[in-house]
PDB file of N, CA and C in Angstrom:
ATOM      1  N   MET A   1      11.728  10.338  -5.805  1.00  0.00           N
ATOM      2  CA  MET A   1      10.902  10.534  -4.637  1.00  0.00           C
ATOM      3  C   MET A   1      11.327   9.521  -3.564  1.00  0.00           C
ATOM      4  N   TRP A   2      11.594  10.011  -2.389  1.00  0.00           N
ATOM      5  CA  TRP A   2      12.037   9.172  -1.280  1.00  0.00           C
ATOM      6  C   TRP A   2      10.857   8.819  -0.383  1.00  0.00           C
ATOM      7  N   HIS A   3      10.902   7.655   0.174  1.00  0.00           N
ATOM      8  CA  HIS A   3       9.900   7.243   1.143  1.00  0.00           C
ATOM      9  C   HIS A   3      10.577   6.428   2.235  1.00  0.00           C
ATOM     10  N   HIS A   4       9.912   6.329   3.347  1.00  0.00           N
ATOM     11  CA  HIS A   4      10.420   5.551   4.470  1.00  0.00           C
ATOM     12  C   HIS A   4       9.595   4.280   4.599  1.00  0.00           C
ATOM     13  N   SER A   5      10.242   3.197   4.898  1.00  0.00           N
ATOM     14  CA  SER A   5       9.567   1.913   5.071  1.00  0.00           C
ATOM     15  C   SER A   5       9.694   1.454   6.513  1.00  0.00           C
ATOM     16  N   ALA A   6       8.752   0.662   6.926  1.00  0.00           N
ATOM     17  CA  ALA A   6       8.788   0.106   8.283  1.00  0.00           C
ATOM     18  C   ALA A   6       8.063  -1.234   8.285  1.00  0.00           C
ATOM     19  N   ILE A   7       8.438  -2.073   9.222  1.00  0.00           N
ATOM     20  CA  ILE A   7       7.770  -3.352   9.442  1.00  0.00           C
ATOM     21  C   ILE A   7       7.351  -3.400  10.910  1.00  0.00           C
ATOM     22  N   LEU A   8       6.104  -3.705  11.130  1.00  0.00           N
ATOM     23  CA  LEU A   8       5.606  -3.932  12.486  1.00  0.00           C
ATOM     24  C   LEU A   8       5.340  -5.422  12.605  1.00  0.00           C
ATOM     25  N   TRP A   9       5.977  -6.066  13.542  1.00  0.00           N
ATOM     26  CA  TRP A   9       5.887  -7.513  13.686  1.00  0.00           C
ATOM     27  C   TRP A   9       5.245  -7.818  15.038  1.00  0.00           C
ATOM     28  N   PHE A  10       4.030  -8.348  15.018  1.00  0.00           N
ATOM     29  CA  PHE A  10       3.318  -8.676  16.246  1.00  0.00           C
ATOM     30  C   PHE A  10       3.498 -10.163  16.538  1.00  0.00           C
ATOM     31  N   THR A  11       3.923 -10.470  17.741  1.00  0.00           N
ATOM     32  CA  THR A  11       4.110 -11.861  18.142  1.00  0.00           C
ATOM     33  C   THR A  11       3.278 -12.141  19.390  1.00  0.00           C
ATOM     34  N   GLY A  12       2.953 -13.391  19.589  1.00  0.00           N
ATOM     35  CA  GLY A  12       2.204 -13.765  20.781  1.00  0.00           C
ATOM     36  C   GLY A  12       1.540 -15.112  20.587  1.00  0.00           C
ATOM     37  N   LEU A  13       0.845 -15.527  21.605  1.00  0.00           N
ATOM     38  CA  LEU A  13       0.169 -16.812  21.594  1.00  0.00           C
ATOM     39  C   LEU A  13      -1.022 -16.800  20.638  1.00  0.00           C
ATOM     40  N   SER A  14      -1.425 -17.974  20.222  1.00  0.00           N
ATOM     41  CA  SER A  14      -2.609 -18.118  19.385  1.00  0.00           C
ATOM     42  C   SER A  14      -3.821 -17.556  20.120  1.00  0.00           C
ATOM     43  N   GLY A  15      -4.605 -16.755  19.422  1.00  0.00           N
ATOM     44  CA  GLY A  15      -5.798 -16.170  20.021  1.00  0.00           C
ATOM     45  C   GLY A  15      -5.547 -14.952  20.875  1.00  0.00           C
ATOM     46  N   ALA A  16      -4.321 -14.424  20.848  1.00  0.00           N
ATOM     47  CA  ALA A  16      -3.974 -13.278  21.692  1.00  0.00           C
ATOM     48  C   ALA A  16      -4.422 -11.941  21.109  1.00  0.00           C
ATOM     49  N   GLY A  17      -4.866 -11.937  19.838  1.00  0.00           N
ATOM     50  CA  GLY A  17      -5.345 -10.694  19.242  1.00  0.00           C
ATOM     51  C   GLY A  17      -4.371 -10.035  18.288  1.00  0.00           C
ATOM     52  N   LYS A  18      -3.374 -10.774  17.843  1.00  0.00           N
ATOM     53  CA  LYS A  18      -2.368 -10.199  16.921  1.00  0.00           C
ATOM     54  C   LYS A  18      -2.999  -9.705  15.625  1.00  0.00           C
ATOM     55  N   SER A  19      -3.853 -10.520  15.035  1.00  0.00           N
ATOM     56  CA  SER A  19      -4.497 -10.132  13.770  1.00  0.00           C
ATOM     57  C   SER A  19      -5.439  -8.953  13.977  1.00  0.00           C
ATOM     58  N   THR A  20      -6.153  -8.954  15.072  1.00  0.00           N
ATOM     59  CA  THR A  20      -7.061  -7.847  15.378  1.00  0.00           C
ATOM     60  C   THR A  20      -6.286  -6.545  15.518  1.00  0.00           C
ATOM     61  N   LEU A  21      -5.188  -6.586  16.237  1.00  0.00           N
ATOM     62  CA  LEU A  21      -4.344  -5.407  16.408  1.00  0.00           C
ATOM     63  C   LEU A  21      -3.734  -4.972  15.081  1.00  0.00           C
ATOM     64  N   ALA A  22      -3.220  -5.945  14.311  1.00  0.00           N
ATOM     65  CA  ALA A  22      -2.610  -5.626  13.020  1.00  0.00           C
ATOM     66  C   ALA A  22      -3.621  -4.980  12.083  1.00  0.00           C
ATOM     67  N   ASN A  23      -4.844  -5.494  12.058  1.00  0.00           N
ATOM     68  CA  ASN A  23      -5.871  -4.920  11.191  1.00  0.00           C
ATOM     69  C   ASN A  23      -6.272  -3.516  11.631  1.00  0.00           C
ATOM     70  N   ALA A  24      -6.309  -3.268  12.928  1.00  0.00           N
ATOM     71  CA  ALA A  24      -6.624  -1.934  13.439  1.00  0.00           C
ATOM     72  C   ALA A  24      -5.518  -0.946  13.077  1.00  0.00           C
ATOM     73  N   VAL A  25      -4.267  -1.354  13.218  1.00  0.00           N
ATOM     74  CA  VAL A  25      -3.133  -0.494  12.855  1.00  0.00           C
ATOM     75  C   VAL A  25      -3.140  -0.239  11.353  1.00  0.00           C
ATOM     76  N   ASN A  26      -3.392  -1.288  10.577  1.00  0.00           N
ATOM     77  CA  ASN A  26      -3.459  -1.163   9.124  1.00  0.00           C
ATOM     78  C   ASN A  26      -4.525  -0.138   8.724  1.00  0.00           C
ATOM     79  N   SER A  27      -5.689  -0.225   9.326  1.00  0.00           N
ATOM     80  CA  SER A  27      -6.786   0.696   9.032  1.00  0.00           C
ATOM     81  C   SER A  27      -6.418   2.132   9.398  1.00  0.00           C
ATOM     82  N   ALA A  28      -5.799   2.313  10.555  1.00  0.00           N
ATOM     83  CA  ALA A  28      -5.406   3.657  10.998  1.00  0.00           C
ATOM     84  C   ALA A  28      -4.360   4.269  10.064  1.00  0.00           C
ATOM     85  N   LEU A  29      -3.389   3.464   9.642  1.00  0.00           N
ATOM     86  CA  LEU A  29      -2.366   3.960   8.729  1.00  0.00           C
ATOM     87  C   LEU A  29      -2.965   4.311   7.372  1.00  0.00           C
ATOM     88  N   PHE A  30      -3.881   3.469   6.883  1.00  0.00           N
ATOM     89  CA  PHE A  30      -4.534   3.720   5.597  1.00  0.00           C
ATOM     90  C   PHE A  30      -5.339   5.016   5.644  1.00  0.00           C
ATOM     91  N   LYS A  31      -6.040   5.256   6.755  1.00  0.00           N
ATOM     92  CA  LYS A  31      -6.833   6.482   6.909  1.00  0.00           C
ATOM     93  C   LYS A  31      -5.957   7.727   6.895  1.00  0.00           C
ATOM     94  N   GLN A  32      -4.680   7.567   7.268  1.00  0.00           N
ATOM     95  CA  GLN A  32      -3.734   8.678   7.231  1.00  0.00           C
ATOM     96  C   GLN A  32      -3.109   8.850   5.853  1.00  0.00           C
ATOM     97  N   GLY A  33      -3.520   8.016   4.904  1.00  0.00           N
ATOM     98  CA  GLY A  33      -3.021   8.123   3.541  1.00  0.00           C
ATOM     99  C   GLY A  33      -1.729   7.382   3.289  1.00  0.00           C
ATOM    100  N   LEU A  34      -1.379   6.473   4.173  1.00  0.00           N
ATOM    101  CA  LEU A  34      -0.140   5.721   4.006  1.00  0.00           C
ATOM    102  C   LEU A  34      -0.409   4.401   3.296  1.00  0.00           C
ATOM    103  N   ALA A  35       0.518   3.997   2.463  1.00  0.00           N
ATOM    104  CA  ALA A  35       0.421   2.704   1.800  1.00  0.00           C
ATOM    105  C   ALA A  35       0.806   1.625   2.807  1.00  0.00           C
ATOM    106  N   CYS A  36      -0.061   0.640   2.988  1.00  0.00           N
ATOM    107  CA  CYS A  36       0.217  -0.386   3.986  1.00  0.00           C
ATOM    108  C   CYS A  36      -0.458  -1.690   3.580  1.00  0.00           C
ATOM    109  N   TYR A  37       0.006  -2.777   4.189  1.00  0.00           N
ATOM    110  CA  TYR A  37      -0.556  -4.096   3.929  1.00  0.00           C
ATOM    111  C   TYR A  37      -0.360  -4.950   5.172  1.00  0.00           C
ATOM    112  N   ALA A  38      -1.424  -5.585   5.614  1.00  0.00           N
ATOM    113  CA  ALA A  38      -1.344  -6.494   6.758  1.00  0.00           C
ATOM    114  C   ALA A  38      -1.153  -7.907   6.225  1.00  0.00           C
ATOM    115  N   LEU A  39      -0.033  -8.489   6.520  1.00  0.00           N
ATOM    116  CA  LEU A  39       0.284  -9.845   6.079  1.00  0.00           C
ATOM    117  C   LEU A  39       0.302 -10.746   7.299  1.00  0.00           C
ATOM    118  N   GLY A  40      -0.683 -11.625   7.390  1.00  0.00           N
ATOM    119  CA  GLY A  40      -0.790 -12.510   8.545  1.00  0.00           C
ATOM    120  C   GLY A  40      -0.437 -13.934   8.198  1.00  0.00           C
ATOM    121  N   GLY A  41      -0.356 -14.759   9.190  1.00  0.00           N
ATOM    122  CA  GLY A  41       0.008 -16.154   9.005  1.00  0.00           C
ATOM    123  C   GLY A  41      -0.916 -16.890   8.053  1.00  0.00           C
ATOM    124  N   ASP A  42      -2.208 -16.581   8.089  1.00  0.00           N
ATOM    125  CA  ASP A  42      -3.160 -17.230   7.186  1.00  0.00           C
ATOM    126  C   ASP A  42      -2.853 -16.884   5.733  1.00  0.00           C
ATOM    127  N   ASN A  43      -2.397 -15.663   5.463  1.00  0.00           N
ATOM    128  CA  ASN A  43      -2.037 -15.260   4.104  1.00  0.00           C
ATOM    129  C   ASN A  43      -0.825 -16.033   3.602  1.00  0.00           C
ATOM    130  N   ILE A  44       0.068 -16.359   4.502  1.00  0.00           N
ATOM    131  CA  ILE A  44       1.305 -17.041   4.117  1.00  0.00           C
ATOM    132  C   ILE A  44       1.072 -18.540   3.968  1.00  0.00           C
ATOM    133  N   ARG A  45       0.292 -19.137   4.872  1.00  0.00           N
ATOM    134  CA  ARG A  45       0.086 -20.578   4.856  1.00  0.00           C
ATOM    135  C   ARG A  45      -0.899 -21.049   3.798  1.00  0.00           C
ATOM    136  N   TRP A  46      -1.782 -20.180   3.300  1.00  0.00           N
ATOM    137  CA  TRP A  46      -2.849 -20.584   2.406  1.00  0.00           C
ATOM    138  C   TRP A  46      -2.369 -21.388   1.188  1.00  0.00           C
ATOM    139  N   PRO A  47      -1.384 -20.923   0.420  1.00  0.00           N
ATOM    140  CA  PRO A  47      -0.989 -21.714  -0.750  1.00  0.00           C
ATOM    141  C   PRO A  47      -0.467 -23.113  -0.386  1.00  0.00           C
ATOM    142  N   ALA A  48       0.149 -23.254   0.750  1.00  0.00           N
ATOM    143  CA  ALA A  48       0.722 -24.544   1.158  1.00  0.00           C
ATOM    144  C   ALA A  48      -0.377 -25.537   1.521  1.00  0.00           C
ATOM    145  N   SER A  49      -1.567 -25.059   1.814  1.00  0.00           N
ATOM    146  CA  SER A  49      -2.637 -25.961   2.243  1.00  0.00           C
ATOM    147  C   SER A  49      -3.473 -26.458   1.068  1.00  0.00           C
ATOM    148  N   LEU A  50      -3.140 -26.077  -0.155  1.00  0.00           N
ATOM    149  CA  LEU A  50      -3.915 -26.528  -1.329  1.00  0.00           C
ATOM    150  C   LEU A  50      -3.608 -27.964  -1.665  1.00  0.00           C
TER     151      LEU A  50
END
């Protein structure tokens, strides 16, 4: 079974709404039945802050 992959990379200043936009896109894609995951900076930095 073949599938297509894509990465959407949102960049911008702190507080510009990147996470809000990413979560909205993630929700819209999920509602269409697509497998998706929103990975934000907080998800990546969390283990390093322990």
